[in-house]
Amino acid sequence: MPSKPLVLITALLAALAITPAFAGELVGPGVISTGLQETSAALSPDNNTLYFMRSDFAEKDDTILVTHRQGDGWSTPEVAPFSGQWHDSEPAMSPDGKRLYFVSNRPPHPGDTPVMAEMDGRTFTGKHLWYVERQGGGRWGAPMHVDGALNDGAMIYNPSIAANGDIYFSAHRRDSGKAYQIYVARRTAHGYADPERIDLGDVDHNRMDPSVDPQERFLVYAGNEGDSLGSADIYIAFRDESGHWGKPVHLPGDVNSASLENAPSLGRRFGELYVASNRESEVRFPKTQDDAASLRHRLEEPLNGSRNLWLFDIGDVLRAHGIDH
C-alpha cells in the first residue's frame, strides 16, 4: 500500500496537471478553409466578422479577405476594401476594433518603389507595417504607413496589438541572429518607441507570428524551441509581475502536430486560439477508385496539404497559470 506522503504527492501532481487542449475545429470548411492557403485570423470585437489571408501555394500572391457569420456558418469571403492590389497579409485587429493592422509590400510613400527584402543573398518581396482606421458608418479609412523605427528594414511580419497600443511583431533585425525574433514597439505620447526584442531565450531558435494577450499577460507564437513535432509548432510564454517573460512552453493537446503550425491568433472568447496548419487527411491504399472528377474534387478540398484555419481551446492552459478571463 502506498505511503500517505506518496498518495498526497500523486494527488497534488494530478491537480496541477494541464488538461490537454480540446480537439481542433476546422474553420469554415469549403468557405474559409479551402484547397488554397489560409492563415492569420483577425476577429472583430463582436466576434462576427473575420479577416484572414488567402494565397497560392507559393505565397507569392497574398490578399486579405473578410467574411461574416451567418447562422452557424460564414458568408462567402470577399476581398477587404483596402486589399487586392498589393502583397497584403497577416491582418490583426486592435482590441477595441478601431484599427486593423497588416503588412504589405506597397510603397511606403507616394513615389517610392514597392518594398523588397534581401537575406542570405536572396531578394524577395518585403513587408512593412500598415493600418486602416475605422471611420463613420463602419467603413475603413485609407491605409496608413507606420513611420518610424518599427518599420526599419523590410522583414516585418505578424503584428499583434495590446490594449495599451503596444505592437508586437516578428522581424529579422540586427539583433535577431540568423533567424526571426519577436519584438515590441511601445506606444508613447510621441508615437512608437524603438522596438525591443522580447527575451525568450537563445536567438538561434526561430520565433515568428506573435499573438499577445491584450493585457500582455502571455503571448503565443510559432517556432521551434527544440521540441517541435513539425517544422514549426505553437508555444506560449507567460509574463511575470516584474515584466519578464518566462521560458516558452510547447502547447499541449491537439494544437500541435507533425505538420506545420503557425500564425496563431487569440480569439475574442476566453481560451480561443486560431492556428494555421497544413495537416491533411490520411490517404489509405487501396483507395476507392477515382475518376478524373472525383480526384480533382478531393484534391481541391481542405486538408489537401494547404494551410487552413483551425480553432482550439487553450482555456485549461491559461487557468493552470492563474488566468481565468
Protein backbone atom coordinates (compact mmCIF):
# COMPACT_ATOMS: atom_id res chain seq x y z
CA MET A 1 0.00 0.00 0.00
CA PRO A 2 1.47 3.44 -0.96
CA SER A 3 2.58 5.64 1.91
CA LYS A 4 0.43 8.65 2.83
CA PRO A 5 3.03 11.20 1.62
CA LEU A 6 3.23 9.45 -1.77
CA VAL A 7 -0.57 9.50 -2.10
CA LEU A 8 -0.64 13.23 -1.30
CA ILE A 9 2.12 14.00 -3.81
CA THR A 10 0.34 12.00 -6.51
CA ALA A 11 -2.92 13.84 -5.84
CA LEU A 12 -1.13 17.21 -5.93
CA LEU A 13 0.54 16.43 -9.24
CA ALA A 14 -2.82 15.36 -10.69
CA ALA A 15 -4.42 18.60 -9.51
CA LEU A 16 -1.68 20.67 -11.14
CA ALA A 17 -1.66 18.78 -14.42
CA ILE A 18 -2.69 20.70 -17.50
CA THR A 19 -5.64 19.14 -19.28
CA PRO A 20 -4.87 18.85 -22.99
CA ALA A 21 -6.46 21.46 -25.22
CA PHE A 22 -9.69 20.43 -26.91
CA ALA A 23 -9.51 18.86 -30.37
CA GLY A 24 -9.40 21.45 -33.10
CA GLU A 25 -12.24 22.61 -35.33
CA LEU A 26 -11.63 23.39 -38.99
CA VAL A 27 -12.90 26.94 -39.55
CA GLY A 28 -15.46 27.32 -42.33
CA PRO A 29 -14.56 24.22 -44.35
CA GLY A 30 -15.00 24.91 -48.06
CA VAL A 31 -15.78 28.60 -47.41
CA ILE A 32 -12.89 29.99 -45.36
CA SER A 33 -10.64 26.93 -45.25
CA THR A 34 -10.22 25.70 -48.82
CA GLY A 35 -7.68 23.98 -51.04
CA LEU A 36 -5.70 27.25 -51.16
CA GLN A 37 -3.59 28.71 -48.34
CA GLU A 38 -5.49 30.42 -45.49
CA THR A 39 -3.81 31.91 -42.42
CA SER A 40 -3.91 34.76 -39.91
CA ALA A 41 -7.38 35.13 -38.41
CA ALA A 42 -8.42 38.53 -37.03
CA LEU A 43 -11.82 38.85 -35.30
CA SER A 44 -13.95 41.93 -34.76
CA PRO A 45 -14.84 42.76 -31.12
CA ASP A 46 -18.33 41.27 -31.53
CA ASN A 47 -16.75 38.05 -32.88
CA ASN A 48 -18.95 38.18 -36.00
CA THR A 49 -16.50 39.42 -38.64
CA LEU A 50 -13.35 37.57 -39.58
CA TYR A 51 -10.42 38.90 -41.63
CA PHE A 52 -7.84 36.43 -42.91
CA MET A 53 -5.21 35.94 -45.59
CA ARG A 54 -5.62 33.73 -48.66
CA SER A 55 -2.83 32.94 -51.10
CA ASP A 56 -1.47 30.49 -53.62
CA PHE A 57 0.69 27.56 -52.52
CA ALA A 58 3.89 29.51 -53.23
CA GLU A 59 2.55 32.50 -51.24
CA LYS A 60 3.54 34.92 -53.98
CA ASP A 61 0.01 36.37 -54.21
CA ASP A 62 -1.34 37.22 -50.73
CA THR A 63 -4.66 39.01 -50.25
CA ILE A 64 -6.73 39.87 -47.17
CA LEU A 65 -10.34 38.69 -47.22
CA VAL A 66 -13.32 39.35 -44.96
CA THR A 67 -16.29 37.15 -44.04
CA HIS A 68 -19.27 37.49 -41.68
CA ARG A 69 -21.12 34.99 -39.52
CA GLN A 70 -24.37 33.73 -40.98
CA GLY A 71 -26.21 31.46 -38.57
CA ASP A 72 -23.89 28.55 -37.86
CA GLY A 73 -21.65 29.34 -40.84
CA TRP A 74 -19.84 32.11 -42.65
CA SER A 75 -20.61 34.27 -45.68
CA THR A 76 -18.69 33.89 -48.92
CA PRO A 77 -15.41 35.77 -48.32
CA GLU A 78 -14.77 38.98 -50.20
CA VAL A 79 -11.56 40.91 -50.73
CA ALA A 80 -11.19 43.50 -47.95
CA PRO A 81 -11.75 47.05 -49.30
CA PHE A 82 -8.15 48.08 -48.56
CA SER A 83 -6.56 44.99 -50.13
CA GLY A 84 -6.38 43.33 -53.54
CA GLN A 85 -3.65 45.35 -55.30
CA TRP A 86 -0.51 44.58 -53.29
CA HIS A 87 1.08 41.68 -51.43
CA ASP A 88 -1.04 42.17 -48.28
CA SER A 89 -1.09 39.68 -45.44
CA GLU A 90 -1.36 38.98 -41.71
CA PRO A 91 -4.28 41.14 -40.57
CA ALA A 92 -4.52 41.92 -36.85
CA MET A 93 -7.36 43.78 -35.14
CA SER A 94 -6.76 46.13 -32.21
CA PRO A 95 -8.65 45.04 -29.07
CA ASP A 96 -11.11 47.94 -29.40
CA GLY A 97 -11.73 47.23 -33.10
CA LYS A 98 -10.80 50.76 -34.17
CA ARG A 99 -7.72 49.77 -36.17
CA LEU A 100 -6.79 46.83 -38.32
CA TYR A 101 -3.06 46.35 -38.89
CA PHE A 102 -1.49 44.33 -41.69
CA VAL A 103 1.80 44.01 -43.57
CA SER A 104 2.31 44.87 -47.23
CA ASN A 105 4.91 45.43 -49.92
CA ARG A 106 3.11 48.57 -51.15
CA PRO A 107 5.35 51.67 -51.49
CA PRO A 108 5.71 53.33 -48.07
CA HIS A 109 5.18 56.82 -49.52
CA PRO A 110 4.00 58.21 -52.86
CA GLY A 111 6.76 57.89 -55.46
CA ASP A 112 8.57 55.09 -53.58
CA THR A 113 9.11 51.67 -55.10
CA PRO A 114 7.48 48.52 -53.66
CA VAL A 115 9.28 47.13 -50.62
CA MET A 116 11.88 44.46 -51.33
CA ALA A 117 13.96 42.46 -48.84
CA GLU A 118 17.33 40.72 -49.04
CA MET A 119 18.61 37.89 -46.86
CA ASP A 120 21.35 35.29 -47.38
CA GLY A 121 21.93 36.54 -50.90
CA ARG A 122 18.25 36.23 -51.88
CA THR A 123 16.00 39.10 -52.90
CA PHE A 124 12.28 38.71 -52.26
CA THR A 125 9.08 40.62 -51.57
CA GLY A 126 9.48 42.73 -48.44
CA LYS A 127 6.93 43.83 -45.86
CA HIS A 128 6.21 46.98 -43.87
CA LEU A 129 3.52 47.57 -41.27
CA TRP A 130 0.34 49.44 -42.22
CA TYR A 131 -3.05 50.07 -40.65
CA VAL A 132 -6.54 51.21 -41.56
CA GLU A 133 -8.72 53.12 -39.10
CA ARG A 134 -12.45 52.75 -38.55
CA GLN A 135 -14.45 55.66 -39.95
CA GLY A 136 -18.07 56.71 -39.63
CA GLY A 137 -20.56 54.12 -40.80
CA GLY A 138 -18.15 51.30 -40.04
CA ARG A 139 -16.01 51.94 -43.12
CA TRP A 140 -12.23 51.63 -43.10
CA GLY A 141 -10.13 54.65 -43.99
CA ALA A 142 -7.20 54.72 -46.40
CA PRO A 143 -4.18 52.54 -45.47
CA MET A 144 -1.59 54.40 -43.36
CA HIS A 145 2.10 53.51 -43.21
CA VAL A 146 3.52 53.21 -39.68
CA ASP A 147 6.52 55.54 -39.84
CA GLY A 148 9.49 55.29 -37.52
CA ALA A 149 11.95 52.66 -36.31
CA LEU A 150 9.30 49.94 -36.18
CA ASN A 151 9.46 49.74 -39.99
CA ASP A 152 13.27 49.77 -40.22
CA GLY A 153 14.27 47.06 -42.67
CA ALA A 154 11.88 45.17 -44.90
CA MET A 155 11.07 41.99 -42.98
CA ILE A 156 8.22 42.97 -40.63
CA TYR A 157 5.60 40.30 -40.00
CA ASN A 158 2.53 39.36 -37.97
CA PRO A 159 1.58 42.38 -35.86
CA SER A 160 -0.40 41.91 -32.66
CA ILE A 161 -1.75 44.81 -30.62
CA ALA A 162 -2.10 45.08 -26.85
CA ALA A 163 -4.90 47.09 -25.20
CA ASN A 164 -2.47 49.94 -24.42
CA GLY A 165 -1.43 50.20 -28.07
CA ASP A 166 1.90 48.36 -27.83
CA ILE A 167 2.62 46.48 -31.06
CA TYR A 168 4.23 43.04 -31.00
CA PHE A 169 5.60 41.66 -34.26
CA SER A 170 8.20 39.30 -35.69
CA ALA A 171 11.10 40.52 -37.78
CA HIS A 172 14.66 39.96 -38.84
CA ARG A 173 16.71 42.83 -37.44
CA ARG A 174 20.33 43.42 -36.45
CA ASP A 175 19.95 41.63 -33.11
CA SER A 176 17.86 38.73 -34.45
CA GLY A 177 20.72 36.33 -35.03
CA LYS A 178 20.31 34.07 -38.05
CA ALA A 179 16.57 33.60 -37.56
CA TYR A 180 13.50 35.74 -36.88
CA GLN A 181 12.67 37.05 -33.41
CA ILE A 182 9.74 38.72 -31.65
CA TYR A 183 9.78 42.45 -30.84
CA VAL A 184 7.58 45.00 -29.14
CA ALA A 185 7.25 48.70 -30.00
CA ARG A 186 5.83 50.57 -27.02
CA ARG A 187 3.28 53.26 -27.73
CA THR A 188 4.20 56.66 -26.31
CA ALA A 189 2.71 60.15 -26.39
CA HIS A 190 5.02 60.87 -29.35
CA GLY A 191 4.48 57.76 -31.41
CA TYR A 192 6.21 54.40 -31.06
CA ALA A 193 9.47 53.85 -29.22
CA ASP A 194 12.27 51.90 -30.87
CA PRO A 195 11.44 48.18 -30.95
CA GLU A 196 12.78 45.96 -28.17
CA ARG A 197 13.50 42.26 -28.70
CA ILE A 198 11.48 40.01 -26.39
CA ASP A 199 13.92 37.80 -24.48
CA LEU A 200 12.62 34.27 -24.94
CA GLY A 201 16.00 32.55 -24.90
CA ASP A 202 18.71 31.67 -27.39
CA VAL A 203 18.35 33.64 -30.63
CA ASP A 204 19.41 30.55 -32.59
CA HIS A 205 15.78 29.47 -32.30
CA ASN A 206 13.37 30.87 -34.88
CA ARG A 207 10.37 32.73 -33.37
CA MET A 208 7.55 34.12 -35.50
CA ASP A 209 3.93 35.19 -35.53
CA PRO A 210 3.28 36.53 -32.01
CA SER A 211 -0.24 36.99 -30.70
CA VAL A 212 -0.28 38.85 -27.40
CA ASP A 213 -2.93 38.83 -24.71
CA PRO A 214 -4.49 42.34 -24.62
CA GLN A 215 -3.25 42.75 -21.02
CA GLU A 216 0.20 41.38 -22.02
CA ARG A 217 -0.01 38.54 -19.50
CA PHE A 218 1.06 35.97 -22.09
CA LEU A 219 1.80 35.56 -25.76
CA VAL A 220 1.63 32.67 -28.17
CA TYR A 221 3.87 32.33 -31.20
CA ALA A 222 5.17 29.89 -33.81
CA GLY A 223 8.67 28.47 -33.74
CA ASN A 224 10.87 25.58 -32.77
CA GLU A 225 12.41 25.58 -29.30
CA GLY A 226 13.99 22.17 -29.90
CA ASP A 227 10.91 20.08 -29.13
CA SER A 228 8.71 20.87 -32.12
CA LEU A 229 6.73 17.98 -33.59
CA GLY A 230 6.91 19.54 -37.07
CA SER A 231 8.89 22.29 -38.79
CA ALA A 232 7.13 24.82 -36.54
CA ASP A 233 4.81 24.46 -33.55
CA ILE A 234 2.87 26.82 -31.30
CA TYR A 235 4.37 27.92 -27.97
CA ILE A 236 3.16 30.05 -25.09
CA ALA A 237 5.17 32.29 -22.77
CA PHE A 238 3.86 33.95 -19.61
CA ARG A 239 4.89 37.36 -18.25
CA ASP A 240 5.56 37.77 -14.54
CA GLU A 241 4.73 40.76 -12.36
CA SER A 242 8.18 42.25 -12.94
CA GLY A 243 7.60 42.26 -16.69
CA HIS A 244 9.94 39.39 -17.53
CA TRP A 245 8.89 36.62 -19.89
CA GLY A 246 9.14 33.05 -18.69
CA LYS A 247 10.53 30.07 -20.57
CA PRO A 248 8.39 29.20 -23.61
CA VAL A 249 6.11 26.18 -23.18
CA HIS A 250 5.14 23.85 -26.01
CA LEU A 251 1.34 23.92 -26.12
CA PRO A 252 -0.13 20.53 -25.20
CA GLY A 253 -3.03 18.65 -26.71
CA ASP A 254 -4.04 18.76 -30.36
CA VAL A 255 -2.82 22.29 -31.11
CA ASN A 256 0.46 20.90 -32.45
CA SER A 257 1.03 18.04 -34.85
CA ALA A 258 3.72 16.59 -37.11
CA SER A 259 2.52 19.13 -39.72
CA LEU A 260 3.37 22.83 -39.86
CA GLU A 261 1.54 25.03 -37.34
CA ASN A 262 1.99 28.79 -37.43
CA ALA A 263 0.23 32.18 -37.48
CA PRO A 264 -1.57 31.76 -34.13
CA SER A 265 -4.07 34.44 -33.12
CA LEU A 266 -6.17 34.79 -30.00
CA GLY A 267 -9.94 34.81 -30.46
CA ARG A 268 -12.41 37.13 -28.74
CA ARG A 269 -13.63 34.49 -26.29
CA PHE A 270 -11.58 33.21 -23.39
CA GLY A 271 -9.24 30.41 -24.44
CA GLU A 272 -9.92 30.63 -28.18
CA LEU A 273 -6.84 30.18 -30.33
CA TYR A 274 -6.86 30.27 -34.13
CA VAL A 275 -3.96 28.48 -35.81
CA ALA A 276 -2.90 27.91 -39.42
CA SER A 277 -1.91 24.31 -40.13
CA ASN A 278 -1.22 22.23 -43.22
CA ARG A 279 -2.32 18.99 -41.56
CA GLU A 280 -4.02 16.77 -44.12
CA SER A 281 -6.36 13.83 -44.46
CA GLU A 282 -4.79 10.40 -44.39
CA VAL A 283 -4.87 8.56 -47.70
CA ARG A 284 -5.14 4.77 -47.35
CA PHE A 285 -4.40 2.35 -50.13
CA PRO A 286 -6.01 0.83 -51.97
CA LYS A 287 -8.31 3.85 -52.13
CA THR A 288 -11.74 4.00 -53.70
CA GLN A 289 -11.31 4.04 -57.46
CA ASP A 290 -11.07 7.66 -58.61
CA ASP A 291 -12.22 9.11 -61.88
CA ALA A 292 -10.94 12.48 -63.08
CA ALA A 293 -13.82 14.41 -61.50
CA SER A 294 -13.63 12.75 -58.06
CA LEU A 295 -9.85 13.09 -57.99
CA ARG A 296 -9.99 16.79 -58.78
CA HIS A 297 -12.75 17.37 -56.22
CA ARG A 298 -10.81 15.60 -53.48
CA LEU A 299 -7.50 17.29 -54.25
CA GLU A 300 -9.11 20.75 -54.24
CA GLU A 301 -10.76 20.31 -50.84
CA PRO A 302 -9.33 21.46 -47.49
CA LEU A 303 -6.84 19.10 -45.83
CA ASN A 304 -5.01 18.63 -49.13
CA GLY A 305 -1.72 19.84 -47.64
CA SER A 306 -2.51 23.53 -47.93
CA ARG A 307 -2.68 25.64 -44.80
CA ASN A 308 -6.13 26.03 -43.29
CA LEU A 309 -7.52 27.86 -40.27
CA TRP A 310 -8.21 25.79 -37.14
CA LEU A 311 -9.81 26.81 -33.84
CA PHE A 312 -8.63 25.38 -30.50
CA ASP A 313 -9.44 25.95 -26.84
CA ILE A 314 -6.43 26.60 -24.56
CA GLY A 315 -8.53 27.75 -21.61
CA ASP A 316 -7.21 24.97 -19.35
CA VAL A 317 -3.62 26.01 -20.05
CA LEU A 318 -4.42 29.60 -19.07
CA ARG A 319 -6.33 28.63 -15.94
CA ALA A 320 -3.41 26.47 -14.83
CA HIS A 321 -1.37 29.70 -14.80
CA GLY A 322 -3.97 31.69 -12.85
CA ILE A 323 -5.63 33.38 -15.85
CA ASP A 324 -9.39 32.86 -15.98
CA HIS A 325 -10.72 35.69 -18.16
